[in-house]
C-alpha atoms as a PDB file:
ATOM      1  CA  MET A   1     158.612 -18.804  95.487  1.00  0.00           C
ATOM      2  CA  THR A   2     155.610 -16.487  95.547  1.00  0.00           C
ATOM      3  CA  GLU A   3     155.035 -13.750  98.123  1.00  0.00           C
ATOM      4  CA  GLY A   4     153.629 -15.171 101.370  1.00  0.00           C
ATOM      5  CA  THR A   5     154.735 -18.740 100.587  1.00  0.00           C
ATOM      6  CA  LYS A   6     156.506 -20.490 103.449  1.00  0.00           C
ATOM      7  CA  ALA A   7     159.930 -21.950 102.725  1.00  0.00           C
ATOM      8  CA  SER A   8     160.890 -25.362 103.999  1.00  0.00           C
ATOM      9  CA  PHE A   9     163.822 -25.422 106.394  1.00  0.00           C
ATOM     10  CA  LYS A  10     165.879 -28.591 106.756  1.00  0.00           C
ATOM     11  CA  PRO A  11     167.950 -29.164 109.928  1.00  0.00           C
ATOM     12  CA  GLU A  12     171.060 -29.742 107.837  1.00  0.00           C
ATOM     13  CA  ASP A  13     170.672 -26.174 106.526  1.00  0.00           C
ATOM     14  CA  PHE A  14     171.255 -24.789 110.023  1.00  0.00           C
ATOM     15  CA  GLU A  15     174.626 -23.201 110.620  1.00  0.00           C
ATOM     16  CA  LEU A  16     175.677 -20.978 113.505  1.00  0.00           C
ATOM     17  CA  ARG A  17     178.882 -19.072 112.983  1.00  0.00           C
ATOM     18  CA  SER A  18     180.714 -16.042 114.240  1.00  0.00           C
ATOM     19  CA  LEU A  19     180.569 -13.019 111.993  1.00  0.00           C
ATOM     20  CA  GLN A  20     183.552 -12.382 109.807  1.00  0.00           C
ATOM     21  CA  GLY A  21     184.334  -9.266 107.773  1.00  0.00           C
ATOM     22  CA  LYS A  22     183.039 -10.939 104.622  1.00  0.00           C
ATOM     23  CA  ASP A  23     179.608 -11.391 106.274  1.00  0.00           C
ATOM     24  CA  TYR A  24     178.911  -7.721 106.921  1.00  0.00           C
ATOM     25  CA  THR A  25     177.558  -6.945 103.446  1.00  0.00           C
ATOM     26  CA  GLU A  26     175.014  -9.772 103.697  1.00  0.00           C
ATOM     27  CA  ILE A  27     174.032  -8.774 107.241  1.00  0.00           C
ATOM     28  CA  LEU A  28     173.620  -5.121 106.214  1.00  0.00           C
ATOM     29  CA  GLU A  29     171.356  -6.146 103.322  1.00  0.00           C
ATOM     30  CA  LEU A  30     169.222  -8.314 105.613  1.00  0.00           C
ATOM     31  CA  PHE A  31     169.033  -5.466 108.115  1.00  0.00           C
ATOM     32  CA  ARG A  32     168.007  -2.985 105.418  1.00  0.00           C
ATOM     33  CA  GLU A  33     165.363  -5.339 104.024  1.00  0.00           C
ATOM     34  CA  HIS A  34     163.778  -6.414 107.306  1.00  0.00           C
ATOM     35  CA  PHE A  35     164.449  -3.641 109.817  1.00  0.00           C
ATOM     36  CA  LEU A  36     164.975  -0.270 108.166  1.00  0.00           C
ATOM     37  CA  PRO A  37     161.380   0.026 106.942  1.00  0.00           C
ATOM     38  CA  ARG A  38     160.504  -0.005 110.639  1.00  0.00           C
ATOM     39  CA  GLU A  39     163.463   2.133 111.727  1.00  0.00           C
ATOM     40  CA  GLN A  40     161.491   4.605 113.879  1.00  0.00           C
ATOM     41  CA  ILE A  41     159.764   1.765 115.715  1.00  0.00           C
ATOM     42  CA  LEU A  42     163.106   0.024 116.242  1.00  0.00           C
ATOM     43  CA  GLN A  43     164.714   3.182 117.591  1.00  0.00           C
ATOM     44  CA  MET A  44     161.859   3.564 120.065  1.00  0.00           C
ATOM     45  CA  LEU A  45     162.069  -0.104 121.090  1.00  0.00           C
ATOM     46  CA  LEU A  46     165.836   0.206 121.586  1.00  0.00           C
ATOM     47  CA  LYS A  47     165.260   3.206 123.828  1.00  0.00           C
ATOM     48  CA  ILE A  48     162.666   1.243 125.800  1.00  0.00           C
ATOM     49  CA  LEU A  49     164.902  -1.826 126.044  1.00  0.00           C
ATOM     50  CA  ASN A  50     167.836   0.313 127.223  1.00  0.00           C
ATOM     51  CA  HIS A  51     165.536   1.773 129.886  1.00  0.00           C
ATOM     52  CA  ILE A  52     164.492  -1.723 130.984  1.00  0.00           C
ATOM     53  CA  GLU A  53     168.074  -2.969 131.054  1.00  0.00           C
ATOM     54  CA  SER A  54     169.104  -0.043 133.261  1.00  0.00           C
ATOM     55  CA  THR A  55     166.564  -1.131 135.893  1.00  0.00           C
ATOM     56  CA  VAL A  56     167.976  -4.648 136.302  1.00  0.00           C
ATOM     57  CA  ASN A  57     171.188  -5.669 138.055  1.00  0.00           C
ATOM     58  CA  ILE A  58     172.037  -9.071 136.602  1.00  0.00           C
ATOM     59  CA  PHE A  59     175.187  -9.253 138.742  1.00  0.00           C
ATOM     60  CA  GLU A  60     173.272  -9.364 142.048  1.00  0.00           C
ATOM     61  CA  ASP A  61     174.452 -12.943 142.411  1.00  0.00           C
ATOM     62  CA  GLU A  62     178.119 -12.632 143.387  1.00  0.00           C
ATOM     63  CA  LYS A  63     178.948 -15.959 141.719  1.00  0.00           C
ATOM     64  CA  LEU A  64     178.271 -14.527 138.259  1.00  0.00           C
ATOM     65  CA  GLU A  65     181.457 -13.552 136.512  1.00  0.00           C
ATOM     66  CA  LYS A  66     180.568 -13.803 132.840  1.00  0.00           C
ATOM     67  CA  VAL A  67     177.205 -13.049 131.200  1.00  0.00           C
ATOM     68  CA  LEU A  68     176.121 -13.342 127.591  1.00  0.00           C
ATOM     69  CA  GLU A  69     173.738 -10.580 126.498  1.00  0.00           C
ATOM     70  CA  LEU A  70     171.589 -11.773 123.610  1.00  0.00           C
ATOM     71  CA  ALA A  71     170.978  -8.548 121.719  1.00  0.00           C
ATOM     72  CA  ALA A  72     168.735  -9.800 118.916  1.00  0.00           C
ATOM     73  CA  ILE A  73     167.331 -13.025 117.610  1.00  0.00           C
ATOM     74  CA  THR A  74     165.164 -13.227 114.531  1.00  0.00           C
ATOM     75  CA  VAL A  75     164.007 -15.660 111.890  1.00  0.00           C
ATOM     76  CA  ASN A  76     163.093 -14.705 108.343  1.00  0.00           C
ATOM     77  CA  PRO A  77     159.260 -14.703 108.231  1.00  0.00           C
ATOM     78  CA  LYS A  78     159.230 -17.129 105.280  1.00  0.00           C
ATOM     79  CA  PHE A  79     160.671 -19.743 107.692  1.00  0.00           C
ATOM     80  CA  SER A  80     158.364 -18.979 110.641  1.00  0.00           C
ATOM     81  CA  GLY A  81     156.585 -21.758 112.475  1.00  0.00           C
ATOM     82  CA  GLN A  82     159.416 -24.252 112.024  1.00  0.00           C
ATOM     83  CA  ARG A  83     160.916 -23.913 115.539  1.00  0.00           C
ATOM     84  CA  ILE A  84     164.134 -22.397 114.170  1.00  0.00           C
ATOM     85  CA  VAL A  85     164.193 -19.817 116.961  1.00  0.00           C
ATOM     86  CA  TYR A  86     164.391 -22.621 119.542  1.00  0.00           C
ATOM     87  CA  ARG A  87     167.376 -24.070 117.699  1.00  0.00           C
ATOM     88  CA  LEU A  88     169.002 -20.619 117.690  1.00  0.00           C
ATOM     89  CA  ILE A  89     168.480 -20.369 121.450  1.00  0.00           C
ATOM     90  CA  GLU A  90     169.938 -23.868 122.003  1.00  0.00           C
ATOM     91  CA  GLU A  91     173.005 -23.050 119.937  1.00  0.00           C
ATOM     92  CA  THR A  92     173.433 -19.709 121.715  1.00  0.00           C
ATOM     93  CA  GLU A  93     173.326 -21.524 125.048  1.00  0.00           C
ATOM     94  CA  LYS A  94     175.998 -23.981 123.852  1.00  0.00           C
ATOM     95  CA  ARG A  95     178.217 -21.067 122.816  1.00  0.00           C
ATOM     96  CA  ALA A  96     177.639 -19.338 126.137  1.00  0.00           C
ATOM     97  CA  ARG A  97     178.745 -22.464 128.034  1.00  0.00           C
ATOM     98  CA  GLN A  98     181.817 -22.824 125.798  1.00  0.00           C
ATOM     99  CA  MET A  99     182.745 -19.214 126.571  1.00  0.00           C
ATOM    100  CA  GLY A 100     182.362 -19.840 130.314  1.00  0.00           C
ATOM    101  CA  CYS A 101     179.201 -17.779 130.789  1.00  0.00           C
ATOM    102  CA  GLN A 102     177.009 -18.573 133.759  1.00  0.00           C
ATOM    103  CA  LEU A 103     173.990 -16.634 132.535  1.00  0.00           C
ATOM    104  CA  ILE A 104     172.238 -15.461 129.364  1.00  0.00           C
ATOM    105  CA  THR A 105     169.983 -12.435 129.496  1.00  0.00           C
ATOM    106  CA  THR A 106     167.877 -10.649 126.896  1.00  0.00           C
ATOM    107  CA  GLN A 107     164.905  -8.337 126.580  1.00  0.00           C
ATOM    108  CA  ALA A 108     161.703  -9.406 124.844  1.00  0.00           C
ATOM    109  CA  ALA A 109     159.534  -6.562 123.591  1.00  0.00           C
ATOM    110  CA  ASN A 110     156.795  -8.461 121.763  1.00  0.00           C
ATOM    111  CA  ILE A 111     154.377 -11.241 122.611  1.00  0.00           C
ATOM    112  CA  ILE A 112     156.030 -13.828 120.347  1.00  0.00           C
ATOM    113  CA  SER A 113     159.548 -13.421 121.725  1.00  0.00           C
ATOM    114  CA  GLN A 114     158.186 -13.356 125.281  1.00  0.00           C
ATOM    115  CA  HIS A 115     156.377 -16.647 124.678  1.00  0.00           C
ATOM    116  CA  VAL A 116     159.439 -18.230 123.064  1.00  0.00           C
ATOM    117  CA  PHE A 117     161.845 -17.359 125.876  1.00  0.00           C
ATOM    118  CA  VAL A 118     159.451 -18.393 128.645  1.00  0.00           C
ATOM    119  CA  LYS A 119     158.749 -21.678 126.829  1.00  0.00           C
ATOM    120  CA  ALA A 120     162.519 -22.204 126.436  1.00  0.00           C
ATOM    121  CA  GLY A 121     162.890 -22.045 130.229  1.00  0.00           C
ATOM    122  CA  TYR A 122     163.921 -18.425 130.758  1.00  0.00           C
ATOM    123  CA  GLU A 123     162.845 -16.673 133.936  1.00  0.00           C
ATOM    124  CA  THR A 124     161.268 -13.216 133.819  1.00  0.00           C
ATOM    125  CA  ILE A 125     163.277 -10.930 136.108  1.00  0.00           C
ATOM    126  CA  SER A 126     161.784  -7.563 135.222  1.00  0.00           C
ATOM    127  CA  GLU A 127     159.029  -6.048 133.144  1.00  0.00           C
ATOM    128  CA  VAL A 128     157.895  -2.653 131.966  1.00  0.00           C
ATOM    129  CA  ASP A 129     154.243  -1.856 131.353  1.00  0.00           C
ATOM    130  CA  TYR A 130     153.880   0.067 128.084  1.00  0.00           C
ATOM    131  CA  GLU A 131     150.609   1.613 129.322  1.00  0.00           C
ATOM    132  CA  THR A 132     152.406   3.552 132.074  1.00  0.00           C
ATOM    133  CA  LEU A 133     155.921   3.870 130.599  1.00  0.00           C
ATOM    134  CA  GLU A 134     157.187   7.399 130.118  1.00  0.00           C
ATOM    135  CA  LEU A 135     160.495   8.322 128.487  1.00  0.00           C
ATOM    136  CA  ASP A 136     161.642  11.921 128.304  1.00  0.00           C
ATOM    137  CA  GLY A 137     158.303  12.925 129.849  1.00  0.00           C
ATOM    138  CA  LYS A 138     156.239  11.311 127.086  1.00  0.00           C
ATOM    139  CA  ARG A 139     154.413   8.059 126.539  1.00  0.00           C
ATOM    140  CA  PRO A 140     156.319   6.628 123.567  1.00  0.00           C
ATOM    141  CA  LEU A 141     153.895   3.904 122.465  1.00  0.00           C
ATOM    142  CA  LYS A 142     150.247   3.684 121.541  1.00  0.00           C
ATOM    143  CA  VAL A 143     149.254   0.500 123.381  1.00  0.00           C
ATOM    144  CA  SER A 144     146.272  -0.148 121.102  1.00  0.00           C
ATOM    145  CA  ASN A 145     148.782  -0.855 118.289  1.00  0.00           C
ATOM    146  CA  MET A 146     150.892  -3.357 120.263  1.00  0.00           C
ATOM    147  CA  ASN A 147     149.623  -6.633 118.743  1.00  0.00           C
ATOM    148  CA  GLY A 148     148.794  -8.540 121.893  1.00  0.00           C
ATOM    149  CA  THR A 149     151.243  -7.283 124.489  1.00  0.00           C
ATOM    150  CA  THR A 150     151.334  -4.279 126.760  1.00  0.00           C
ATOM    151  CA  LYS A 151     154.728  -4.977 128.316  1.00  0.00           C
ATOM    152  CA  ALA A 152     158.360  -5.758 127.657  1.00  0.00           C
ATOM    153  CA  ILE A 153     160.249  -8.249 129.814  1.00  0.00           C
ATOM    154  CA  VAL A 154     163.828  -9.037 130.762  1.00  0.00           C
ATOM    155  CA  VAL A 155     164.539 -12.755 130.941  1.00  0.00           C
ATOM    156  CA  LYS A 156     167.485 -14.815 132.109  1.00  0.00           C
ATOM    157  CA  ASN A 157     168.673 -18.389 132.075  1.00  0.00           C
ATOM    158  CA  ILE A 158     171.304 -19.437 134.637  1.00  0.00           C
ATOM    159  CA  PHE A 159     173.551 -22.406 133.866  1.00  0.00           C
ATOM    160  CA  GLY A 160     174.763 -24.767 136.542  1.00  0.00           C
ATOM    161  CA  ASN A 161     178.525 -24.735 137.110  1.00  0.00           C
END
């Protein structure tokens, strides 16, 4: 497959599983390949997302006893545009129900993930405007480089009991 060529994904190729010790080497390699080149950006986004998370009380509803926090969801770019992320969300929701969770929450820091979660039925419960955000007395992001979004959002999906 040449650089930039999209790979075809077949539904029967989809497998969701819990990480085992034997998986860590593969996960570390994927992380190094796709995330470490952008490590400084990721560290800044994590700081921003932690700030956002600290402003939201997801346990305001007294009926909530168990919440699944979706920390990261990503699809290899060579498989983009094939709706795999929606399948990942569906499978995550199934797992959450099996574990007895009443709610899933996550933070979406870019325009694509924001669109995906809203389209998948998640409700925006908080947002941070990058144009006015200050952390440690500084503005951490140059908004003109943000590729279509000037905010990060926190979303949730509540399951009926």
